[in-house]
Amino acid sequence: MRRAALGAVLISLVVAPATAAPASEITPTSIAGARLGLHANAYKRLFGSPVRKDVLRYPQNYWRLVFTKRRVAVFFSSPGGKAVEIVTWNRNDRTAVGIGTCSTITRLKAAYGSKLKRDEPNTVGSPPRVYAYTVGRLIFAATGRDPKPGPSKHVTAIALYTGRLAVAGFIALQFDTSALRCA
């Protein structure tokens, strides 16, 4: 009887990690294994379906693929061009220090310390209200409604970008976060 129970426990310890969904990593060069600079079909193969294509009014000529189930969007700056930004609002996507969507801004600041910079194009008012932070080429959005209640107290999306920060920060803050529930 004890051997059977012990065997069941050992099997559950071996099988459980193999069947658990792994968390996707956000690195300085990729989000969920996706790097910048690829064509649309590469992202479709990587993220699968469902996928939606949107043409943006601003910035001009930009368009995006939105992978709704995966909660990732890939932005392109010209028709047929290569990706210039990848944005995730998936809670399973985390940086090496454990920061992801719904991490608190306090935790974000503690995790990155002096490496964390406020995104000046997305900082307004006096005292400053910061709607986005950067570490290298990563943007940590804190989308909120202005002027009240101001920036979110949680990370609402994380973006990897190339190009101008002002444009990339604008894109990272454009997601509808009304369905995002951070405890």
Protein backbone atom coordinates (compact mmCIF):
# COMPACT_ATOMS: atom_id res chain seq x y z
CA MET A 1 0.00 0.00 0.00
CA ARG A 2 2.76 2.45 0.94
CA ARG A 3 4.72 1.52 -2.18
CA ALA A 4 1.71 2.25 -4.38
CA ALA A 5 1.20 5.64 -2.74
CA LEU A 6 4.91 6.44 -3.02
CA GLY A 7 4.86 5.40 -6.68
CA ALA A 8 1.88 7.66 -7.38
CA VAL A 9 3.62 10.62 -5.75
CA LEU A 10 6.82 10.02 -7.72
CA ILE A 11 4.90 9.73 -11.00
CA SER A 12 3.03 12.98 -10.31
CA LEU A 13 6.32 14.77 -9.60
CA VAL A 14 7.80 13.56 -12.88
CA VAL A 15 4.71 14.06 -15.06
CA ALA A 16 3.44 17.40 -13.68
CA PRO A 17 6.42 19.53 -14.78
CA ALA A 18 6.37 17.94 -18.22
CA THR A 19 2.69 18.81 -18.78
CA ALA A 20 2.68 22.31 -17.26
CA ALA A 21 2.61 25.17 -19.76
CA PRO A 22 6.04 26.82 -19.71
CA ALA A 23 6.29 30.52 -19.18
CA SER A 24 7.57 32.40 -22.19
CA GLU A 25 10.65 34.47 -21.78
CA ILE A 26 11.11 38.13 -22.60
CA THR A 27 14.75 38.86 -23.39
CA PRO A 28 16.56 41.97 -24.64
CA THR A 29 16.22 40.54 -28.18
CA SER A 30 12.97 38.53 -28.24
CA ILE A 31 9.49 38.06 -26.84
CA ALA A 32 8.20 34.49 -26.61
CA GLY A 33 10.93 33.37 -29.00
CA ALA A 34 10.06 36.00 -31.63
CA ARG A 35 12.82 38.37 -32.77
CA LEU A 36 12.34 41.65 -34.59
CA GLY A 37 13.06 42.02 -38.28
CA LEU A 38 11.15 39.05 -39.68
CA HIS A 39 8.37 39.04 -42.28
CA ALA A 40 4.73 38.44 -41.34
CA ASN A 41 4.68 34.75 -42.31
CA ALA A 42 7.41 33.93 -39.78
CA TYR A 43 5.26 35.29 -36.95
CA LYS A 44 2.18 33.47 -38.26
CA ARG A 45 4.14 30.20 -38.13
CA LEU A 46 5.42 30.96 -34.64
CA PHE A 47 2.20 32.19 -33.00
CA GLY A 48 -0.43 30.39 -35.11
CA SER A 49 -4.06 31.39 -35.24
CA PRO A 50 -6.32 33.14 -34.65
CA VAL A 51 -4.64 36.16 -36.17
CA ARG A 52 -6.10 39.52 -37.17
CA LYS A 53 -4.52 42.09 -39.48
CA ASP A 54 -5.12 45.78 -38.73
CA VAL A 55 -4.01 48.79 -40.76
CA LEU A 56 -3.23 51.69 -38.44
CA ARG A 57 -4.14 55.34 -38.99
CA TYR A 58 -1.04 56.40 -37.10
CA PRO A 59 1.83 56.01 -37.56
CA GLN A 60 1.30 56.28 -41.30
CA ASN A 61 1.86 53.03 -43.27
CA TYR A 62 2.02 50.94 -40.07
CA TRP A 63 0.05 47.73 -39.74
CA ARG A 64 -0.06 44.92 -37.21
CA LEU A 65 -0.82 41.26 -36.76
CA VAL A 66 -2.73 40.60 -33.54
CA PHE A 67 -2.55 37.05 -32.20
CA THR A 68 -5.56 37.25 -29.89
CA LYS A 69 -5.27 33.87 -28.21
CA ARG A 70 -1.53 34.31 -27.58
CA ARG A 71 -1.99 37.98 -26.55
CA VAL A 72 0.85 39.21 -28.73
CA ALA A 73 0.89 41.80 -31.52
CA VAL A 74 3.59 42.37 -34.13
CA PHE A 75 3.93 45.78 -35.81
CA PHE A 76 5.31 46.57 -39.27
CA SER A 77 6.25 50.02 -40.58
CA SER A 78 5.51 49.36 -44.25
CA PRO A 79 3.45 46.97 -46.38
CA GLY A 80 5.44 43.79 -46.93
CA GLY A 81 8.11 45.04 -44.53
CA LYS A 82 9.78 43.53 -41.51
CA ALA A 83 8.62 43.77 -37.89
CA VAL A 84 9.67 46.83 -35.91
CA GLU A 85 7.85 46.10 -32.62
CA ILE A 86 6.46 43.14 -30.72
CA VAL A 87 4.03 43.77 -27.85
CA THR A 88 2.76 41.24 -25.32
CA TRP A 89 0.03 41.59 -22.73
CA ASN A 90 0.17 37.87 -21.85
CA ARG A 91 0.68 37.29 -18.11
CA ASN A 92 2.81 34.21 -18.81
CA ASP A 93 5.47 36.23 -20.63
CA ARG A 94 8.16 37.26 -18.13
CA THR A 95 11.61 38.79 -18.15
CA ALA A 96 14.56 37.00 -16.53
CA VAL A 97 13.85 38.91 -13.30
CA GLY A 98 10.19 37.85 -13.32
CA ILE A 99 8.54 41.03 -14.58
CA GLY A 100 5.48 40.62 -16.79
CA THR A 101 2.01 42.01 -17.40
CA CYS A 102 0.34 42.76 -14.05
CA SER A 103 3.63 43.08 -12.16
CA THR A 104 3.42 46.18 -9.98
CA ILE A 105 5.35 49.28 -10.96
CA THR A 106 6.94 49.14 -7.50
CA ARG A 107 8.23 45.63 -8.25
CA LEU A 108 9.41 46.76 -11.71
CA LYS A 109 11.44 49.57 -10.12
CA ALA A 110 12.90 47.25 -7.48
CA ALA A 111 13.83 44.59 -10.06
CA TYR A 112 15.67 46.93 -12.46
CA GLY A 113 16.89 49.72 -10.17
CA SER A 114 18.96 52.35 -11.96
CA LYS A 115 18.70 50.48 -15.30
CA LEU A 116 15.01 51.44 -15.46
CA LYS A 117 14.43 54.79 -17.18
CA ARG A 118 11.21 56.68 -17.59
CA ASP A 119 10.07 57.03 -21.19
CA GLU A 120 10.20 60.81 -21.57
CA PRO A 121 7.72 61.02 -24.50
CA ASN A 122 5.22 59.20 -22.25
CA THR A 123 5.86 61.23 -19.11
CA VAL A 124 3.56 64.21 -18.58
CA GLY A 125 2.85 66.90 -16.04
CA SER A 126 4.35 68.13 -12.83
CA PRO A 127 4.73 66.14 -10.71
CA PRO A 128 5.53 63.71 -13.53
CA ARG A 129 3.03 61.01 -14.41
CA VAL A 130 4.98 58.17 -16.05
CA TYR A 131 3.03 55.99 -18.49
CA ALA A 132 5.99 53.93 -19.73
CA TYR A 133 9.46 52.86 -18.63
CA THR A 134 12.38 51.43 -20.58
CA VAL A 135 15.26 49.05 -20.02
CA GLY A 136 17.35 48.91 -23.18
CA ARG A 137 14.96 48.17 -26.07
CA LEU A 138 12.15 46.95 -23.80
CA ILE A 139 9.20 49.20 -22.97
CA PHE A 140 7.10 48.54 -19.88
CA ALA A 141 3.72 50.25 -20.41
CA ALA A 142 1.59 51.49 -17.52
CA THR A 143 -1.48 52.51 -19.50
CA GLY A 144 -4.06 54.48 -17.58
CA ARG A 145 -6.58 57.20 -18.18
CA ASP A 146 -5.39 60.79 -17.88
CA PRO A 147 -5.78 62.84 -15.76
CA LYS A 148 -7.52 60.51 -13.31
CA PRO A 149 -6.59 57.95 -12.17
CA GLY A 150 -3.35 58.52 -14.07
CA PRO A 151 -0.84 55.81 -14.96
CA SER A 152 -1.61 52.24 -13.96
CA LYS A 153 0.05 50.86 -10.84
CA HIS A 154 0.75 47.70 -12.87
CA VAL A 155 2.61 46.85 -16.07
CA THR A 156 -0.09 46.66 -18.75
CA ALA A 157 2.07 45.53 -21.70
CA ILE A 158 5.71 44.90 -22.59
CA ALA A 159 7.19 45.78 -25.96
CA LEU A 160 10.44 45.09 -27.77
CA TYR A 161 11.18 47.73 -30.37
CA THR A 162 13.56 49.15 -32.91
CA GLY A 163 13.46 52.70 -34.23
CA ARG A 164 12.29 55.85 -32.46
CA LEU A 165 11.22 55.52 -28.84
CA ALA A 166 8.47 58.14 -29.22
CA VAL A 167 6.71 56.04 -31.87
CA ALA A 168 7.36 52.71 -30.14
CA GLY A 169 6.11 54.01 -26.81
CA PHE A 170 2.97 55.37 -28.45
CA ILE A 171 2.28 51.94 -29.97
CA ALA A 172 2.91 50.07 -26.72
CA LEU A 173 0.36 52.23 -24.89
CA GLN A 174 -2.45 51.81 -27.43
CA PHE A 175 -3.88 48.51 -26.24
CA ASP A 176 -7.33 48.40 -24.71
CA THR A 177 -6.57 47.27 -21.19
CA SER A 178 -10.18 47.38 -19.97
CA ALA A 179 -10.28 43.55 -19.92
CA LEU A 180 -6.95 43.34 -18.07
CA ARG A 181 -7.53 42.52 -14.41
CA CYS A 182 -4.47 42.84 -12.19
CA ALA A 183 -4.98 41.98 -8.53
